[in-house]
Amino acid sequence: MLYITHDLLSARLLADEVLVLDEGRVVESGPTLHVIQNAEAPYTQELLDAIPNPLTIR
């Protein structure tokens, strides 16, 4: 199955492997949890920062 999303939280729940594309170029790839925990590309960091954390919402 190919699942295309900007939501890394849903990708974490559905995918074993992930490719992060920025302007059509692969900037990170690998096992989903590894990419999420070790994100290096600025775009991957932006995607992770977009995930709401209910503990920080006031």
N, C-alpha and C. Protein backbone atom coordinates (compact mmCIF):
# COMPACT_ATOMS: atom_id res chain seq x y z
N MET A 1 0.84 -1.16 0.00
CA MET A 1 0.00 0.00 0.00
C MET A 1 0.90 1.23 0.00
N LEU A 2 0.54 2.21 -0.78
CA LEU A 2 1.21 3.49 -0.78
C LEU A 2 0.32 4.48 -0.05
N TYR A 3 0.86 5.11 0.97
CA TYR A 3 0.11 6.07 1.78
C TYR A 3 0.83 7.39 1.72
N ILE A 4 0.17 8.42 1.19
CA ILE A 4 0.79 9.73 1.05
C ILE A 4 0.16 10.67 2.06
N THR A 5 0.98 11.31 2.89
CA THR A 5 0.46 12.19 3.94
C THR A 5 1.52 13.20 4.36
N HIS A 6 1.08 14.27 4.99
CA HIS A 6 1.99 15.20 5.66
C HIS A 6 1.99 14.93 7.16
N ASP A 7 1.17 13.99 7.58
CA ASP A 7 0.96 13.69 9.00
C ASP A 7 1.84 12.50 9.42
N LEU A 8 2.98 12.79 10.03
CA LEU A 8 3.89 11.71 10.43
C LEU A 8 3.32 10.86 11.55
N LEU A 9 2.38 11.39 12.32
CA LEU A 9 1.74 10.59 13.36
C LEU A 9 0.95 9.45 12.73
N SER A 10 0.17 9.74 11.71
CA SER A 10 -0.58 8.67 11.06
C SER A 10 0.36 7.73 10.31
N ALA A 11 1.42 8.27 9.73
CA ALA A 11 2.40 7.42 9.05
C ALA A 11 3.04 6.44 10.05
N ARG A 12 3.30 6.93 11.25
CA ARG A 12 3.88 6.07 12.29
C ARG A 12 2.97 4.91 12.62
N LEU A 13 1.67 5.16 12.60
CA LEU A 13 0.70 4.12 12.95
C LEU A 13 0.47 3.14 11.81
N LEU A 14 0.68 3.57 10.56
CA LEU A 14 0.33 2.74 9.40
C LEU A 14 1.50 2.14 8.65
N ALA A 15 2.68 2.76 8.75
CA ALA A 15 3.77 2.37 7.86
C ALA A 15 4.97 1.82 8.61
N ASP A 16 5.58 0.80 8.03
CA ASP A 16 6.84 0.26 8.57
C ASP A 16 8.02 1.08 8.09
N GLU A 17 7.93 1.58 6.87
CA GLU A 17 8.99 2.37 6.24
C GLU A 17 8.41 3.70 5.80
N VAL A 18 9.24 4.74 5.79
CA VAL A 18 8.77 6.06 5.38
C VAL A 18 9.83 6.73 4.51
N LEU A 19 9.35 7.50 3.54
CA LEU A 19 10.19 8.39 2.74
C LEU A 19 9.67 9.79 2.97
N VAL A 20 10.53 10.70 3.32
CA VAL A 20 10.13 12.10 3.47
C VAL A 20 10.64 12.83 2.24
N LEU A 21 9.71 13.47 1.51
CA LEU A 21 10.06 14.21 0.31
C LEU A 21 9.95 15.70 0.59
N ASP A 22 10.90 16.45 0.07
CA ASP A 22 10.85 17.90 0.12
C ASP A 22 11.06 18.39 -1.30
N GLU A 23 10.05 19.03 -1.86
CA GLU A 23 10.08 19.50 -3.24
C GLU A 23 10.44 18.38 -4.21
N GLY A 24 9.88 17.18 -3.96
CA GLY A 24 10.07 16.05 -4.86
C GLY A 24 11.35 15.26 -4.66
N ARG A 25 12.16 15.66 -3.71
CA ARG A 25 13.42 14.96 -3.44
C ARG A 25 13.35 14.25 -2.10
N VAL A 26 13.89 13.04 -2.05
CA VAL A 26 13.91 12.29 -0.79
C VAL A 26 14.95 12.93 0.12
N VAL A 27 14.50 13.36 1.33
CA VAL A 27 15.43 13.96 2.28
C VAL A 27 15.69 13.04 3.47
N GLU A 28 14.80 12.08 3.70
CA GLU A 28 15.02 11.07 4.74
C GLU A 28 14.26 9.82 4.34
N SER A 29 14.78 8.67 4.75
CA SER A 29 14.07 7.43 4.51
C SER A 29 14.55 6.38 5.50
N GLY A 30 13.70 5.39 5.72
CA GLY A 30 14.06 4.29 6.59
C GLY A 30 12.88 3.82 7.40
N PRO A 31 13.14 2.99 8.39
CA PRO A 31 12.06 2.55 9.28
C PRO A 31 11.39 3.78 9.91
N THR A 32 10.09 3.77 9.93
CA THR A 32 9.32 4.95 10.36
C THR A 32 9.76 5.46 11.72
N LEU A 33 9.82 4.62 12.71
CA LEU A 33 10.18 5.06 14.05
C LEU A 33 11.59 5.64 14.09
N HIS A 34 12.50 5.04 13.35
CA HIS A 34 13.87 5.56 13.31
C HIS A 34 13.91 6.97 12.71
N VAL A 35 13.20 7.17 11.61
CA VAL A 35 13.18 8.49 10.97
C VAL A 35 12.57 9.52 11.91
N ILE A 36 11.49 9.15 12.59
CA ILE A 36 10.84 10.09 13.50
C ILE A 36 11.75 10.42 14.69
N GLN A 37 12.41 9.44 15.23
CA GLN A 37 13.25 9.67 16.42
C GLN A 37 14.59 10.30 16.09
N ASN A 38 15.04 10.20 14.85
CA ASN A 38 16.37 10.69 14.47
C ASN A 38 16.30 11.65 13.28
N ALA A 39 15.25 12.41 13.19
CA ALA A 39 15.06 13.32 12.05
C ALA A 39 16.21 14.31 11.97
N GLU A 40 16.77 14.43 10.78
CA GLU A 40 17.87 15.37 10.56
C GLU A 40 17.50 16.47 9.57
N ALA A 41 16.67 16.14 8.60
CA ALA A 41 16.31 17.12 7.58
C ALA A 41 15.39 18.19 8.17
N PRO A 42 15.62 19.44 7.83
CA PRO A 42 14.76 20.51 8.35
C PRO A 42 13.28 20.29 8.04
N TYR A 43 12.97 19.78 6.84
CA TYR A 43 11.56 19.57 6.49
C TYR A 43 10.93 18.49 7.37
N THR A 44 11.67 17.44 7.68
CA THR A 44 11.15 16.41 8.57
C THR A 44 10.88 17.00 9.94
N GLN A 45 11.77 17.85 10.41
CA GLN A 45 11.56 18.53 11.70
C GLN A 45 10.29 19.38 11.66
N GLU A 46 10.05 20.08 10.55
CA GLU A 46 8.83 20.88 10.41
C GLU A 46 7.59 20.01 10.49
N LEU A 47 7.63 18.86 9.83
CA LEU A 47 6.48 17.95 9.88
C LEU A 47 6.25 17.45 11.30
N LEU A 48 7.31 17.13 12.00
CA LEU A 48 7.18 16.67 13.38
C LEU A 48 6.68 17.78 14.30
N ASP A 49 7.14 19.00 14.06
CA ASP A 49 6.69 20.13 14.88
C ASP A 49 5.21 20.44 14.68
N ALA A 50 4.65 20.01 13.55
CA ALA A 50 3.24 20.26 13.25
C ALA A 50 2.31 19.30 13.98
N ILE A 51 2.85 18.25 14.58
CA ILE A 51 2.03 17.29 15.32
C ILE A 51 1.67 17.92 16.66
N PRO A 52 0.37 18.10 16.92
CA PRO A 52 -0.01 18.70 18.20
C PRO A 52 0.32 17.81 19.39
N ASN A 53 0.78 18.42 20.43
CA ASN A 53 1.06 17.69 21.66
C ASN A 53 0.04 18.17 22.70
N PRO A 54 -0.92 17.31 23.07
CA PRO A 54 -1.96 17.76 23.99
C PRO A 54 -1.43 18.21 25.35
N LEU A 55 -0.24 17.81 25.71
CA LEU A 55 0.32 18.21 27.00
C LEU A 55 0.79 19.66 26.99
N THR A 56 1.02 20.22 25.80
CA THR A 56 1.51 21.60 25.74
C THR A 56 0.41 22.60 25.38
N ILE A 57 -0.79 22.13 25.08
CA ILE A 57 -1.89 23.03 24.75
C ILE A 57 -2.53 23.51 26.04
N ARG A 58 -2.68 24.81 26.18
CA ARG A 58 -3.26 25.39 27.39
C ARG A 58 -4.62 25.93 27.13
